[in-house]
N, C-alpha and C. Protein backbone atom coordinates (compact mmCIF):
# COMPACT_ATOMS: atom_id res chain seq x y z
N UNK A 1 107.53 113.84 119.48
CA UNK A 1 108.57 114.01 118.45
C UNK A 1 108.44 114.89 117.40
N UNK A 2 108.99 116.05 116.76
CA UNK A 2 108.56 116.98 115.71
C UNK A 2 108.11 115.95 114.53
N UNK A 3 107.25 116.67 113.73
CA UNK A 3 106.54 116.28 112.62
C UNK A 3 107.52 116.57 111.19
N UNK A 4 107.42 115.63 110.42
CA UNK A 4 108.39 116.41 109.40
C UNK A 4 107.84 117.30 108.28
N UNK A 5 107.88 118.60 107.91
CA UNK A 5 107.35 119.11 106.56
C UNK A 5 108.33 118.79 105.53
N UNK A 6 108.01 118.46 104.15
CA UNK A 6 108.63 118.77 102.84
C UNK A 6 108.51 120.41 102.32
N UNK A 7 109.46 121.02 102.33
CA UNK A 7 108.95 122.45 101.95
C UNK A 7 109.77 122.32 100.42
N UNK A 8 109.51 123.04 99.54
CA UNK A 8 109.82 123.60 98.22
C UNK A 8 110.29 124.76 97.98
N UNK A 9 110.94 125.22 97.05
CA UNK A 9 111.33 126.67 97.03
C UNK A 9 111.65 127.23 98.50
N UNK A 10 112.51 126.16 99.20
CA UNK A 10 112.96 126.64 100.49
C UNK A 10 113.72 127.91 100.79
N UNK A 11 114.54 128.20 99.44
CA UNK A 11 115.62 129.05 99.81
C UNK A 11 114.70 130.63 99.22
N UNK A 12 113.71 130.86 98.69
CA UNK A 12 113.08 131.79 98.16
C UNK A 12 112.46 132.57 99.39
N UNK A 13 111.84 133.73 98.80
CA UNK A 13 111.31 134.96 99.70
C UNK A 13 110.41 134.39 100.75
N UNK A 14 109.36 133.62 100.40
CA UNK A 14 108.20 133.04 101.06
C UNK A 14 108.63 132.26 101.89
N UNK A 15 109.72 130.85 101.22
CA UNK A 15 110.00 129.97 101.94
C UNK A 15 111.05 129.79 102.95
N UNK A 16 111.78 131.07 102.69
CA UNK A 16 112.78 131.19 104.12
C UNK A 16 112.15 131.91 104.82
N UNK A 17 110.94 132.76 104.71
CA UNK A 17 110.46 133.13 106.16
C UNK A 17 109.70 132.13 106.75
N UNK A 18 109.07 131.30 106.01
CA UNK A 18 108.12 129.99 106.67
C UNK A 18 109.13 129.20 107.50
N UNK A 19 110.68 128.75 107.20
CA UNK A 19 111.46 128.12 107.47
C UNK A 19 111.35 128.54 109.06
N UNK A 20 111.41 129.86 108.92
CA UNK A 20 112.08 130.65 110.49
C UNK A 20 110.77 130.31 111.34
N UNK A 21 109.58 130.11 110.90
CA UNK A 21 108.28 130.25 111.80
C UNK A 21 108.40 128.30 111.86
N UNK A 22 108.27 127.82 111.15
CA UNK A 22 108.09 126.21 111.15
C UNK A 22 109.32 125.53 111.98
N UNK A 23 110.32 125.77 111.84
CA UNK A 23 111.38 125.19 112.64
C UNK A 23 110.86 125.08 114.23
N UNK A 24 110.23 126.12 114.98
CA UNK A 24 110.04 126.12 116.29
C UNK A 24 109.19 124.79 116.51
N UNK A 25 108.35 124.18 115.59
CA UNK A 25 107.43 123.05 115.80
C UNK A 25 107.54 122.04 114.97
N UNK A 26 108.17 122.05 113.80
CA UNK A 26 108.81 120.94 112.98
C UNK A 26 109.92 120.88 112.46
N UNK A 27 110.46 119.49 111.93
CA UNK A 27 111.30 119.24 111.24
C UNK A 27 111.56 119.45 109.75
N UNK A 28 112.15 120.39 109.22
CA UNK A 28 111.80 121.10 107.90
C UNK A 28 112.80 120.20 106.89
N UNK A 29 112.39 119.67 106.07
CA UNK A 29 113.41 118.81 104.88
C UNK A 29 113.17 120.09 103.89
N UNK A 30 114.26 120.64 103.62
CA UNK A 30 114.53 121.63 102.68
C UNK A 30 114.51 121.14 101.09
N UNK A 31 114.27 121.43 99.77
CA UNK A 31 114.30 121.36 98.96
C UNK A 31 114.09 122.97 98.02
N UNK A 32 115.35 122.80 97.02
CA UNK A 32 115.36 124.16 96.42
C UNK A 32 116.37 123.71 95.11
N UNK A 33 115.71 124.66 94.48
CA UNK A 33 116.83 124.34 92.97
C UNK A 33 117.97 124.67 93.16
N UNK A 34 118.34 125.92 94.08
CA UNK A 34 119.55 126.47 94.35
C UNK A 34 120.48 125.57 94.98
N UNK A 35 119.93 124.18 95.56
CA UNK A 35 120.68 123.58 96.49
C UNK A 35 120.93 122.07 95.65
N UNK A 36 120.29 122.17 94.16
CA UNK A 36 120.80 121.20 93.16
C UNK A 36 119.54 120.42 93.29
N UNK A 37 118.50 120.47 94.10
CA UNK A 37 117.31 119.52 94.19
C UNK A 37 116.32 119.78 92.68
N UNK A 38 115.77 118.80 92.63
CA UNK A 38 115.31 118.75 91.01
C UNK A 38 114.02 117.65 91.38
N UNK A 39 112.55 118.53 91.13
CA UNK A 39 111.48 117.82 91.63
C UNK A 39 110.86 117.21 90.68
N UNK A 40 111.39 117.28 89.33
CA UNK A 40 111.34 116.29 88.14
C UNK A 40 112.03 114.83 88.44
N UNK A 41 112.88 115.05 89.34
CA UNK A 41 113.75 113.48 89.16
C UNK A 41 112.91 112.62 90.52
N UNK A 42 112.44 111.56 89.93
CA UNK A 42 111.30 110.80 90.71
C UNK A 42 112.12 110.07 91.84
N UNK A 43 113.56 109.80 91.53
CA UNK A 43 114.62 108.73 92.68
C UNK A 43 114.86 109.63 93.70
N UNK A 44 114.94 111.32 93.39
CA UNK A 44 115.15 112.04 94.61
C UNK A 44 113.88 112.41 95.57
N UNK A 45 112.34 112.15 94.97
CA UNK A 45 111.06 112.38 95.65
C UNK A 45 111.01 111.01 96.22
N UNK A 46 111.53 109.87 95.60
CA UNK A 46 111.53 108.51 96.38
C UNK A 46 112.30 108.21 97.61
N UNK A 47 113.35 108.98 97.37
CA UNK A 47 114.18 108.76 98.55
C UNK A 47 113.74 109.52 99.66
N UNK A 48 113.12 110.67 99.29
CA UNK A 48 112.62 111.85 100.29
C UNK A 48 111.48 110.77 100.95
N UNK A 49 110.07 110.47 100.24
CA UNK A 49 108.96 110.11 100.85
C UNK A 49 109.13 108.64 101.34
N UNK A 50 109.97 107.88 100.72
CA UNK A 50 109.78 106.61 101.01
C UNK A 50 110.90 106.34 102.69
N UNK A 51 111.58 107.57 102.72
CA UNK A 51 112.53 107.16 103.85
C UNK A 51 112.25 108.16 104.87
N UNK A 52 110.98 108.66 104.86
CA UNK A 52 110.66 109.66 105.92
C UNK A 52 109.04 109.64 105.69
N UNK A 53 108.51 109.88 107.06
CA UNK A 53 107.23 110.10 107.39
C UNK A 53 106.93 111.64 107.29
N UNK A 54 106.33 111.78 106.14
CA UNK A 54 106.22 113.51 106.02
C UNK A 54 104.72 113.79 106.09
N UNK A 55 104.59 114.50 107.27
CA UNK A 55 103.21 115.16 108.00
C UNK A 55 102.77 116.27 106.75
N UNK A 56 103.48 116.74 106.23
CA UNK A 56 102.96 117.72 105.04
C UNK A 56 103.98 118.42 103.85
N UNK A 57 103.32 118.60 102.97
CA UNK A 57 104.25 119.12 101.49
C UNK A 57 103.64 120.50 101.58
N UNK A 58 104.78 121.65 101.50
CA UNK A 58 104.18 123.22 101.37
C UNK A 58 105.16 123.07 99.84
N UNK A 59 104.24 123.50 99.07
CA UNK A 59 104.68 124.16 97.81
C UNK A 59 105.08 125.77 97.80
N UNK A 60 106.56 126.15 97.77
CA UNK A 60 106.78 127.68 97.73
C UNK A 60 107.16 128.09 96.33
N UNK A 61 107.97 126.87 95.93
CA UNK A 61 108.75 127.24 94.34
C UNK A 61 107.82 127.96 93.46
N UNK A 62 108.12 128.50 92.19
CA UNK A 62 107.36 128.96 91.68
C UNK A 62 107.91 129.61 90.51
N UNK A 63 107.45 130.00 89.43
CA UNK A 63 107.78 130.97 88.19
C UNK A 63 106.98 132.13 88.30
N UNK A 64 107.78 133.56 88.64
CA UNK A 64 107.13 134.44 88.59
C UNK A 64 107.95 136.01 88.21
N UNK A 65 106.98 136.76 88.15
CA UNK A 65 107.92 137.95 87.95
C UNK A 65 107.52 139.34 88.36
N UNK A 66 108.39 140.09 89.04
CA UNK A 66 107.64 141.23 89.84
C UNK A 66 107.90 142.74 89.10
N UNK A 67 107.09 143.60 89.24
CA UNK A 67 107.19 145.01 88.95
C UNK A 67 108.17 145.66 89.42
N UNK A 68 109.15 145.81 89.24
CA UNK A 68 110.61 146.58 90.00
C UNK A 68 110.79 147.72 89.59
N UNK A 69 111.28 148.71 90.12
CA UNK A 69 111.40 150.08 89.79
C UNK A 69 112.61 149.92 88.40
N UNK A 70 113.31 148.79 88.42
CA UNK A 70 114.19 148.76 87.03
C UNK A 70 113.63 148.72 85.88
N UNK A 71 112.56 147.47 85.95
CA UNK A 71 111.78 147.35 84.64
C UNK A 71 111.49 148.41 83.60
N UNK A 72 111.79 148.52 82.71
CA UNK A 72 111.79 149.44 81.62
C UNK A 72 110.48 149.35 80.44
N UNK A 73 110.35 148.10 80.26
CA UNK A 73 109.29 147.79 78.92
C UNK A 73 108.93 146.71 79.33
N UNK A 74 107.24 146.62 78.48
CA UNK A 74 106.64 145.23 79.01
C UNK A 74 107.22 144.16 78.39
N UNK A 75 107.20 142.92 78.58
CA UNK A 75 107.63 141.62 78.19
C UNK A 75 107.05 141.29 76.67
N UNK A 76 107.74 141.43 75.62
CA UNK A 76 107.52 141.29 74.45
C UNK A 76 106.93 139.64 74.34
N UNK A 77 107.61 138.68 75.25
CA UNK A 77 107.09 137.15 74.92
C UNK A 77 105.97 136.67 75.99
N UNK A 78 105.45 137.77 76.64
CA UNK A 78 104.19 137.26 77.28
C UNK A 78 103.37 136.37 76.86
N UNK A 79 103.11 136.22 75.67
CA UNK A 79 102.45 135.64 74.89
C UNK A 79 102.82 134.39 74.03
N UNK A 80 104.06 134.08 74.14
CA UNK A 80 104.47 133.18 73.59
C UNK A 80 104.48 131.68 73.83
N UNK A 81 104.29 131.11 73.17
CA UNK A 81 104.12 129.58 73.68
C UNK A 81 105.28 128.86 74.34
N UNK A 82 106.35 129.35 74.44
CA UNK A 82 107.18 128.34 75.00
C UNK A 82 107.59 129.37 76.65
N UNK A 83 106.95 130.42 76.54
CA UNK A 83 107.16 131.47 78.05
C UNK A 83 105.89 130.67 78.46
N UNK A 84 104.41 130.64 78.13
CA UNK A 84 103.60 129.91 79.06
C UNK A 84 103.82 128.34 79.12
N UNK A 85 104.76 127.38 78.22
CA UNK A 85 105.01 126.23 78.93
C UNK A 85 105.81 126.41 80.32
N UNK A 86 106.89 127.44 79.95
CA UNK A 86 107.56 127.36 81.35
C UNK A 86 106.87 127.47 82.29
N UNK A 87 105.91 128.29 82.68
CA UNK A 87 105.17 128.74 83.52
C UNK A 87 104.71 127.45 84.05
N UNK A 88 103.77 126.66 82.92
CA UNK A 88 103.02 125.60 83.68
C UNK A 88 103.92 124.19 83.92
N UNK A 89 105.22 124.22 83.51
CA UNK A 89 106.39 123.31 83.71
C UNK A 89 106.52 123.54 85.24
N UNK A 90 106.77 124.63 85.66
CA UNK A 90 107.23 124.90 87.05
C UNK A 90 106.19 125.03 88.22
N UNK A 91 104.65 125.85 87.70
CA UNK A 91 103.76 125.84 88.68
C UNK A 91 102.85 124.99 88.65
N UNK A 92 102.81 124.14 87.86
CA UNK A 92 101.77 123.12 87.85
C UNK A 92 102.34 121.97 87.73
N UNK A 93 103.28 121.36 86.66
CA UNK A 93 103.83 119.53 86.35
C UNK A 93 104.62 119.36 87.51
N UNK A 94 105.64 120.57 88.23
CA UNK A 94 106.22 119.94 89.18
C UNK A 94 105.51 119.79 90.57
N UNK A 95 104.56 120.32 90.66
CA UNK A 95 103.33 119.91 91.59
C UNK A 95 103.17 118.67 91.44
N UNK A 96 102.33 118.46 90.31
CA UNK A 96 101.83 117.15 90.18
C UNK A 96 102.80 115.72 90.22
N UNK A 97 103.98 116.06 90.01
CA UNK A 97 104.89 115.11 90.13
C UNK A 97 105.36 114.97 91.38
N UNK A 98 105.25 115.61 92.17
CA UNK A 98 105.63 115.61 93.92
C UNK A 98 104.41 115.10 94.55
N UNK A 99 103.18 115.56 94.06
CA UNK A 99 102.00 114.77 94.48
C UNK A 99 101.86 113.40 94.19
N UNK A 100 102.24 113.22 92.90
CA UNK A 100 101.99 111.61 92.70
C UNK A 100 103.11 111.01 93.39
N UNK A 101 104.26 111.30 93.99
CA UNK A 101 105.15 110.50 94.70
C UNK A 101 104.85 110.41 95.69
N UNK A 102 104.20 111.32 96.38
CA UNK A 102 103.78 111.72 97.81
C UNK A 102 102.48 110.68 98.31
N UNK A 103 101.66 110.82 97.40
CA UNK A 103 100.38 109.65 97.62
C UNK A 103 101.00 108.25 97.28
N UNK A 104 101.94 107.74 96.69
CA UNK A 104 102.41 106.60 96.55
C UNK A 104 103.18 105.96 97.47
N UNK A 105 103.79 106.86 98.06
CA UNK A 105 104.89 106.46 99.42
C UNK A 105 104.16 106.81 100.62
N UNK A 106 103.26 107.75 100.79
CA UNK A 106 102.71 108.12 102.19
C UNK A 106 101.15 107.74 102.33
N UNK A 107 100.73 107.03 103.25
CA UNK A 107 99.60 106.53 103.39
C UNK A 107 98.51 107.92 103.80
N UNK A 108 98.93 108.78 104.03
CA UNK A 108 98.16 110.02 104.73
C UNK A 108 98.74 110.98 104.32
N UNK A 109 98.34 112.47 104.74
CA UNK A 109 98.90 113.51 104.99
C UNK A 109 98.27 114.64 104.47
N UNK A 110 99.00 115.95 104.26
CA UNK A 110 98.26 116.88 103.63
C UNK A 110 99.38 117.48 102.90
N UNK A 111 98.84 118.63 101.67
CA UNK A 111 99.88 119.27 100.56
C UNK A 111 98.98 120.64 100.83
N UNK A 112 99.91 121.68 100.72
CA UNK A 112 99.54 123.24 100.75
C UNK A 112 100.44 123.86 99.68
N UNK A 113 99.14 124.47 99.22
CA UNK A 113 99.70 125.13 97.62
C UNK A 113 99.81 126.67 98.00
N UNK A 114 100.88 127.42 97.32
CA UNK A 114 100.80 128.95 97.47
C UNK A 114 100.45 129.49 96.08
N UNK A 115 99.40 130.01 96.04
CA UNK A 115 98.90 130.81 94.72
C UNK A 115 98.73 131.99 94.57
N UNK A 116 97.85 132.72 93.67
CA UNK A 116 97.93 133.99 93.63
C UNK A 116 96.56 134.74 93.34
N UNK A 117 96.33 135.80 93.80
CA UNK A 117 95.28 136.60 93.33
C UNK A 117 94.79 136.32 91.86
N UNK A 118 95.84 136.28 91.02
CA UNK A 118 95.59 136.28 89.31
C UNK A 118 95.14 134.86 89.21
N UNK A 119 95.45 133.74 90.02
CA UNK A 119 94.59 132.56 89.78
C UNK A 119 93.35 132.65 90.04
N UNK A 120 92.55 133.57 90.53
CA UNK A 120 91.25 133.74 90.65
C UNK A 120 90.32 134.76 89.68
N UNK A 121 90.96 135.87 89.70
CA UNK A 121 90.67 136.91 88.81
C UNK A 121 91.92 137.42 87.89
N UNK A 122 91.42 138.01 86.64
CA UNK A 122 92.79 138.46 86.16
C UNK A 122 93.28 139.86 86.63
N UNK A 123 94.25 140.10 86.07
CA UNK A 123 95.07 140.97 86.57
C UNK A 123 94.30 142.66 86.52
N UNK A 124 94.55 143.51 87.12
CA UNK A 124 94.13 144.88 87.01
C UNK A 124 95.66 145.58 86.42
N UNK A 125 95.19 145.00 84.91
CA UNK A 125 96.31 145.78 84.36
C UNK A 125 96.90 147.34 84.51
N UNK A 126 95.90 147.96 84.87
CA UNK A 126 96.24 149.41 84.99
C UNK A 126 96.62 149.77 85.77
N UNK A 127 97.37 148.92 86.89
CA UNK A 127 98.04 149.05 88.22
C UNK A 127 99.50 149.11 87.59
N UNK A 128 99.78 148.93 86.63
CA UNK A 128 101.20 148.69 86.09
C UNK A 128 101.57 149.67 85.09
N UNK A 129 102.94 150.00 85.06
CA UNK A 129 103.50 150.76 83.99
C UNK A 129 104.59 150.28 83.57
N UNK A 130 104.60 150.17 82.19
CA UNK A 130 105.84 149.19 81.82
C UNK A 130 106.21 147.76 81.90
N UNK A 131 104.98 147.40 82.27
CA UNK A 131 105.21 145.79 83.03
C UNK A 131 103.99 144.86 82.92
N UNK A 132 103.85 143.78 82.42
CA UNK A 132 102.55 143.21 82.04
C UNK A 132 102.56 141.93 83.08
N UNK A 133 101.90 141.47 83.70
CA UNK A 133 101.61 140.34 84.83
C UNK A 133 101.34 139.10 83.43
N UNK A 134 102.24 138.08 83.53
CA UNK A 134 102.24 137.37 82.19
C UNK A 134 100.92 136.15 82.23
N UNK A 135 100.47 136.16 80.83
CA UNK A 135 99.37 135.38 80.96
C UNK A 135 99.47 133.98 81.57
N UNK A 136 100.87 133.25 81.25
CA UNK A 136 101.38 132.28 81.74
C UNK A 136 101.35 131.93 83.07
N UNK A 137 101.57 133.15 83.90
CA UNK A 137 101.46 132.75 85.35
C UNK A 137 100.36 132.54 85.85
N UNK A 138 99.12 133.50 85.32
CA UNK A 138 97.66 133.35 85.77
C UNK A 138 97.20 132.27 85.44
N UNK A 139 97.40 131.72 84.17
CA UNK A 139 96.44 130.36 83.43
C UNK A 139 97.40 129.22 84.30
N UNK A 140 98.79 129.24 84.77
CA UNK A 140 99.32 128.04 85.39
C UNK A 140 99.07 128.27 86.70
N UNK A 141 98.88 129.08 87.55
CA UNK A 141 98.53 129.35 89.02
C UNK A 141 96.54 128.89 89.06
N UNK A 142 96.01 129.29 88.00
CA UNK A 142 94.88 128.88 87.93
C UNK A 142 94.50 127.29 87.83
N UNK A 143 95.41 126.72 87.33
CA UNK A 143 95.39 125.51 87.09
C UNK A 143 95.82 124.62 88.38
N UNK A 144 96.70 124.82 88.94
CA UNK A 144 97.32 124.44 90.32
C UNK A 144 96.25 124.44 91.26
N UNK A 145 95.31 125.57 91.12
CA UNK A 145 94.07 125.41 91.92
C UNK A 145 93.26 124.29 91.80
N UNK A 146 92.93 124.19 90.62
CA UNK A 146 91.89 123.17 90.33
C UNK A 146 92.57 121.89 90.67
N UNK A 147 93.88 121.56 90.16
CA UNK A 147 94.56 120.16 90.54
C UNK A 147 94.46 119.88 92.10
N UNK A 148 94.48 120.89 92.83
CA UNK A 148 94.61 120.59 94.63
C UNK A 148 93.14 120.39 94.66
N UNK A 149 92.17 120.94 94.18
CA UNK A 149 90.79 120.49 94.54
C UNK A 149 90.38 119.39 93.74
N UNK A 150 90.73 119.19 92.85
CA UNK A 150 90.40 117.67 92.01
C UNK A 150 90.94 116.43 92.80
N UNK A 151 92.74 116.79 93.38
CA UNK A 151 92.64 115.53 94.36
C UNK A 151 92.19 115.53 95.64
N UNK A 152 91.69 116.68 95.98
CA UNK A 152 91.17 116.61 97.46
C UNK A 152 89.75 116.02 97.27
N UNK A 153 89.25 116.12 96.30
CA UNK A 153 88.11 115.31 96.16
C UNK A 153 87.81 113.85 96.14
N UNK A 154 89.66 113.64 95.22
CA UNK A 154 89.52 112.46 95.06
C UNK A 154 90.09 111.61 95.90
N UNK A 155 91.12 111.94 96.80
CA UNK A 155 91.79 111.50 97.92
C UNK A 155 91.57 111.93 99.35
N UNK A 156 90.14 112.75 99.35
CA UNK A 156 89.94 113.49 100.73
C UNK A 156 90.01 112.58 101.94
N UNK A 157 89.76 111.20 101.76
CA UNK A 157 89.58 110.52 102.87
C UNK A 157 91.04 110.28 103.76
N UNK A 158 92.19 110.36 103.25
CA UNK A 158 93.37 110.17 103.74
C UNK A 158 94.15 111.66 103.39
N UNK A 159 93.82 112.37 102.61
CA UNK A 159 94.84 113.47 102.21
C UNK A 159 94.10 114.75 102.19
N UNK A 160 94.74 115.87 103.07
CA UNK A 160 94.20 117.24 102.81
C UNK A 160 94.98 118.14 101.70
N UNK A 161 94.11 118.81 100.95
CA UNK A 161 94.59 119.61 100.12
C UNK A 161 93.76 120.92 99.75
N UNK A 162 94.99 121.81 100.04
CA UNK A 162 94.54 123.13 100.07
C UNK A 162 95.34 124.21 99.51
N UNK A 163 94.85 125.16 98.97
CA UNK A 163 95.67 126.42 98.35
C UNK A 163 95.50 127.74 98.96
N UNK A 164 96.29 128.35 99.21
CA UNK A 164 96.37 129.62 100.18
C UNK A 164 96.62 130.79 98.62
N UNK A 165 95.52 131.37 98.89
CA UNK A 165 95.51 132.59 97.55
C UNK A 165 96.33 133.84 98.18
N UNK A 166 97.45 134.14 97.71
CA UNK A 166 98.27 135.06 98.45
C UNK A 166 97.66 136.52 97.82
N UNK A 167 97.78 137.56 98.69
CA UNK A 167 97.64 139.25 97.75
C UNK A 167 99.24 139.28 97.32
N UNK A 168 99.43 140.55 97.20
CA UNK A 168 100.75 141.20 96.67
C UNK A 168 101.75 141.77 97.93
N UNK A 169 102.93 140.72 97.87
CA UNK A 169 103.77 140.68 99.22
C UNK A 169 104.91 141.72 99.18
N UNK A 170 105.01 142.49 100.01
CA UNK A 170 105.40 143.64 100.13
C UNK A 170 107.16 143.35 100.05
N UNK A 171 107.94 144.16 99.36
CA UNK A 171 109.33 143.78 99.20
C UNK A 171 110.11 145.04 98.65
N UNK A 172 111.42 145.22 98.86
CA UNK A 172 111.92 146.30 98.50
C UNK A 172 112.52 146.56 97.12
N UNK A 173 112.29 147.59 96.59
CA UNK A 173 112.62 147.95 95.35
C UNK A 173 111.34 147.87 94.30
N UNK A 174 110.15 147.68 94.59
CA UNK A 174 108.71 147.60 93.70
C UNK A 174 108.85 149.07 92.92
N UNK A 175 108.08 148.97 92.03
CA UNK A 175 107.86 150.10 91.11
C UNK A 175 106.90 151.07 91.87
N UNK A 176 107.19 152.36 92.05
CA UNK A 176 106.12 153.22 92.76
C UNK A 176 105.05 153.60 92.28
N UNK A 177 104.99 153.34 91.09
CA UNK A 177 103.50 153.76 90.40
C UNK A 177 102.81 152.32 90.74
N UNK A 178 103.23 151.21 90.65
CA UNK A 178 102.41 150.04 90.94
C UNK A 178 102.14 150.21 92.45
N UNK A 179 103.15 150.15 93.51
CA UNK A 179 102.58 150.21 94.84
C UNK A 179 101.53 151.21 95.43
N UNK A 180 101.65 152.29 94.72
CA UNK A 180 100.69 153.24 94.87
C UNK A 180 99.15 152.95 94.46
N UNK A 181 99.05 152.20 93.34
CA UNK A 181 97.94 151.96 92.72
C UNK A 181 97.43 150.46 93.30
N UNK A 182 98.22 149.60 93.62
CA UNK A 182 98.07 148.41 94.72
C UNK A 182 97.49 148.57 95.53
N UNK A 183 98.02 149.57 96.50
CA UNK A 183 97.42 149.96 98.02
C UNK A 183 96.08 150.83 97.71
N UNK A 184 95.43 151.72 96.52
CA UNK A 184 94.53 152.07 96.40
C UNK A 184 93.54 151.13 96.17
N UNK A 185 93.76 149.89 95.52
CA UNK A 185 92.83 149.17 95.42
C UNK A 185 92.49 147.98 96.37
N UNK A 186 93.25 148.03 97.12
CA UNK A 186 93.19 146.88 98.52
C UNK A 186 92.66 147.62 99.80
N UNK A 187 91.54 147.07 100.28
CA UNK A 187 90.87 147.44 101.32
C UNK A 187 91.68 147.94 102.65
N UNK A 188 93.04 146.91 102.68
CA UNK A 188 93.64 147.43 103.79
C UNK A 188 94.72 148.62 103.62
N UNK A 189 94.79 149.07 102.20
CA UNK A 189 95.57 150.24 101.89
C UNK A 189 96.68 149.85 101.83
N UNK A 190 97.45 148.50 101.96
CA UNK A 190 98.72 148.55 102.06
C UNK A 190 99.04 146.86 101.18
N UNK A 191 100.24 146.63 100.97
CA UNK A 191 100.82 145.22 100.53
C UNK A 191 100.56 144.46 101.98
N UNK A 192 100.99 143.24 101.93
CA UNK A 192 101.19 142.07 102.56
C UNK A 192 102.52 141.82 103.16
N UNK A 193 102.60 141.87 104.35
CA UNK A 193 104.31 141.47 105.13
C UNK A 193 104.08 140.12 105.17
N UNK A 194 105.46 139.90 105.18
CA UNK A 194 105.76 138.49 105.16
C UNK A 194 105.12 137.43 106.29
N UNK A 195 105.21 138.10 107.18
CA UNK A 195 104.84 137.41 108.70
C UNK A 195 103.57 137.31 108.72
N UNK A 196 102.72 137.85 107.61
CA UNK A 196 101.04 137.56 107.79
C UNK A 196 100.51 136.23 107.15
N UNK A 197 101.88 135.89 106.79
CA UNK A 197 101.22 134.25 106.14
C UNK A 197 101.19 133.53 107.04
N UNK A 198 102.08 133.56 108.33
CA UNK A 198 102.06 132.64 109.26
C UNK A 198 101.01 131.88 109.52
N UNK A 199 99.87 132.84 110.12
CA UNK A 199 98.95 132.21 110.87
C UNK A 199 97.97 131.10 110.10
N UNK A 200 97.79 131.88 108.57
CA UNK A 200 97.05 130.70 108.04
C UNK A 200 98.03 129.19 107.77
N UNK A 201 99.11 129.23 107.54
CA UNK A 201 99.82 128.12 107.59
C UNK A 201 99.97 127.48 108.82
N UNK A 202 99.75 128.08 109.89
CA UNK A 202 99.73 127.40 111.13
C UNK A 202 98.16 126.71 111.52
N UNK A 203 97.25 126.95 111.10
CA UNK A 203 95.79 126.92 110.81
C UNK A 203 95.81 125.61 109.91
N UNK A 204 96.51 125.57 109.02
CA UNK A 204 96.05 124.58 108.12
C UNK A 204 97.08 123.43 108.34
N UNK A 205 98.04 123.64 109.10
CA UNK A 205 99.10 122.23 109.51
C UNK A 205 98.51 121.93 111.11
N UNK A 206 97.92 122.67 111.67
CA UNK A 206 97.14 122.16 112.93
C UNK A 206 96.62 120.75 112.92
N UNK A 207 97.19 119.78 113.58
CA UNK A 207 96.58 118.53 113.92
C UNK A 207 94.86 118.42 113.93
N UNK A 208 94.58 119.57 114.94
CA UNK A 208 92.96 119.52 115.16
C UNK A 208 92.41 119.76 113.75
N UNK A 209 93.35 120.43 112.85
CA UNK A 209 92.19 120.95 111.60
C UNK A 209 92.33 119.60 110.47
N UNK A 210 91.18 118.82 110.69
CA UNK A 210 91.29 117.74 109.78
C UNK A 210 90.10 117.64 108.96
N UNK A 211 89.27 118.83 108.74
CA UNK A 211 88.38 118.55 107.73
C UNK A 211 88.15 120.00 106.63
N UNK A 212 89.07 120.57 106.95
CA UNK A 212 89.36 121.52 105.67
C UNK A 212 90.24 120.83 104.52
N UNK A 213 89.40 120.76 103.64
CA UNK A 213 89.91 120.22 102.29
C UNK A 213 89.76 120.56 101.08
N UNK A 214 90.34 120.81 99.89
CA UNK A 214 90.05 120.98 98.73
C UNK A 214 89.47 122.67 98.41
N UNK A 215 90.28 123.32 99.42
CA UNK A 215 89.80 124.70 99.38
C UNK A 215 90.74 125.54 99.14
N UNK A 216 90.34 126.84 98.85
CA UNK A 216 91.32 128.11 98.61
C UNK A 216 90.99 129.00 99.79
N UNK A 217 92.11 129.12 100.75
CA UNK A 217 92.04 130.32 101.62
C UNK A 217 92.41 131.46 101.28
N UNK A 218 92.07 132.65 101.18
CA UNK A 218 92.12 134.14 100.61
C UNK A 218 93.27 134.61 101.81
N UNK A 219 94.36 135.33 101.81
CA UNK A 219 95.00 136.03 102.53
C UNK A 219 95.31 136.96 101.58
N UNK A 220 94.15 138.29 101.42
CA UNK A 220 94.45 139.22 100.47
C UNK A 220 94.30 140.81 100.86
N UNK A 221 93.85 140.76 102.17
CA UNK A 221 93.69 142.00 102.36
C UNK A 221 92.29 142.54 102.00
N UNK A 222 91.45 141.58 101.38
CA UNK A 222 90.15 142.25 101.08
C UNK A 222 89.99 142.36 99.31
N UNK A 223 91.29 142.15 99.00
CA UNK A 223 91.22 142.39 97.53
C UNK A 223 90.25 141.97 96.58
N UNK A 224 89.79 140.64 96.75
CA UNK A 224 89.01 140.31 95.70
C UNK A 224 87.69 140.10 96.31
N UNK A 225 87.27 140.90 97.21
CA UNK A 225 85.86 141.63 97.73
C UNK A 225 85.61 142.65 97.03
N UNK A 226 86.56 143.52 96.09
CA UNK A 226 86.23 144.56 95.48
C UNK A 226 86.15 144.42 94.40
């Protein structure tokens, strides 16, 4: 019988791509704000976790911005407290709420968090033009990494908590200045393709993988090694 996965941000770029890969071997319980699903709603989470045996939770939701060609100027709200708070509300506190519910209703399991290069190191600001990678994004993603390690060490006997640190994922409409400079600063000389995420997800979901816990797994083309 196929195991069940609770996938947040299931209609996003990464979430949609993962669904195609995971549906071959798992039953996917999709959750996305576009479907009216609210990860702040404890009754919603209780219904999911109390009525289903969830093998794994994968966090694909998130608040982010992308240097697209249409970007014309830096966001002046980058350092506003309200802007930073919004990043934390979505990238940290929603994850925390799901985790609390998961460990309350499930006796064991695994949680996988998608995070960013900028949770480990600061952005290379010079690769952007008329765009700033927000402080709120970087610090909220960094905090989510620490939360995963914290819970992995506290509850590691029953649960596996791991983060996947992604490099820049290619997409249409990216600013050409950014793309050129990103590629120059990556040992692979290019951005990541969506399907290159699948192997590491498959590894972390593998039933035989029972000892990888409280780790950050890097899928960045070597970016962080330079």
